[in-house]
């Protein structure tokens, strides 16, 4: 998948929860991204990003697009 976004860290707000922060990153990218890309963009560990994305999916804020080798996630 080819994208045109730069791999710069997106800053987290002072009183922003991690769920909202990851959702903001997914909103800014606008294309489905894998956990490793979200980890690079947020600066969080991949295992932590995985837990947050699963929690966001359970709350119906994100959805998993593919689940072949890497799962790609997108904001609903």
Protein backbone atom coordinates (compact mmCIF):
# COMPACT_ATOMS: atom_id res chain seq x y z
CA UNK A 1 0.00 0.00 0.00
CA UNK A 2 1.50 3.32 -1.06
CA UNK A 3 0.67 6.40 0.98
CA UNK A 4 1.66 10.06 0.80
CA UNK A 5 1.90 10.86 4.50
CA UNK A 6 5.16 11.64 6.24
CA UNK A 7 6.33 9.50 9.12
CA UNK A 8 6.45 12.26 11.71
CA UNK A 9 5.23 11.82 15.25
CA UNK A 10 1.85 13.42 15.90
CA UNK A 11 1.79 15.27 19.22
CA UNK A 12 -0.53 14.23 22.03
CA UNK A 13 -2.63 16.83 23.84
CA UNK A 14 -2.20 17.48 27.56
CA UNK A 15 -5.49 15.95 28.71
CA UNK A 16 -6.01 13.58 25.78
CA UNK A 17 -6.56 9.88 26.50
CA UNK A 18 -4.57 7.29 24.57
CA UNK A 19 -7.76 6.10 22.86
CA UNK A 20 -8.50 9.60 21.58
CA UNK A 21 -4.86 10.09 20.62
CA UNK A 22 -4.75 6.94 18.47
CA UNK A 23 -8.11 7.88 16.93
CA UNK A 24 -6.67 11.31 16.06
CA UNK A 25 -3.69 9.65 14.39
CA UNK A 26 -5.97 7.36 12.35
CA UNK A 27 -8.10 10.36 11.37
CA UNK A 28 -5.06 12.34 10.21
CA UNK A 29 -3.71 9.49 8.06
CA UNK A 30 -7.05 8.87 6.26
CA UNK A 31 -5.97 5.47 4.86
CA UNK A 32 -5.98 2.06 6.57
CA UNK A 33 -2.69 1.56 8.42
CA UNK A 34 -1.10 -1.35 10.25
CA UNK A 35 -0.17 -1.48 13.93
CA UNK A 36 3.52 -0.91 13.21
CA UNK A 37 2.80 2.31 11.31
CA UNK A 38 0.55 3.59 14.10
CA UNK A 39 3.30 2.73 16.60
CA UNK A 40 5.81 4.80 14.61
CA UNK A 41 3.42 7.74 14.23
CA UNK A 42 2.44 7.78 17.92
CA UNK A 43 5.71 6.74 19.51
CA UNK A 44 3.92 4.05 21.55
CA UNK A 45 5.00 0.42 21.79
CA UNK A 46 3.31 -1.90 19.25
CA UNK A 47 1.80 -4.16 21.94
CA UNK A 48 0.20 -1.13 23.54
CA UNK A 49 -1.15 0.14 20.21
CA UNK A 50 -2.64 -3.32 19.60
CA UNK A 51 -4.52 -3.19 22.90
CA UNK A 52 -5.79 0.32 22.20
CA UNK A 53 -6.95 -0.58 18.68
CA UNK A 54 -8.76 -3.66 19.95
CA UNK A 55 -10.47 -1.51 22.60
CA UNK A 56 -11.46 1.06 19.96
CA UNK A 57 -12.86 -1.74 17.79
CA UNK A 58 -14.87 -3.08 20.71
CA UNK A 59 -16.28 0.44 21.23
CA UNK A 60 -17.09 0.59 17.48
CA UNK A 61 -14.79 3.55 16.83
CA UNK A 62 -12.43 1.69 14.48
CA UNK A 63 -12.60 -1.42 12.38
CA UNK A 64 -10.12 -3.97 11.18
CA UNK A 65 -9.99 -3.92 7.37
CA UNK A 66 -7.75 -6.93 6.70
CA UNK A 67 -6.33 -9.70 8.81
CA UNK A 68 -3.96 -11.48 6.45
CA UNK A 69 -0.39 -10.86 7.61
CA UNK A 70 -0.80 -7.47 9.23
CA UNK A 71 -4.17 -6.14 10.26
CA UNK A 72 -4.95 -2.77 8.73
CA UNK A 73 -7.14 -0.44 10.79
CA UNK A 74 -9.36 2.46 9.85
CA UNK A 75 -11.43 4.99 11.75
CA UNK A 76 -15.18 4.57 11.31
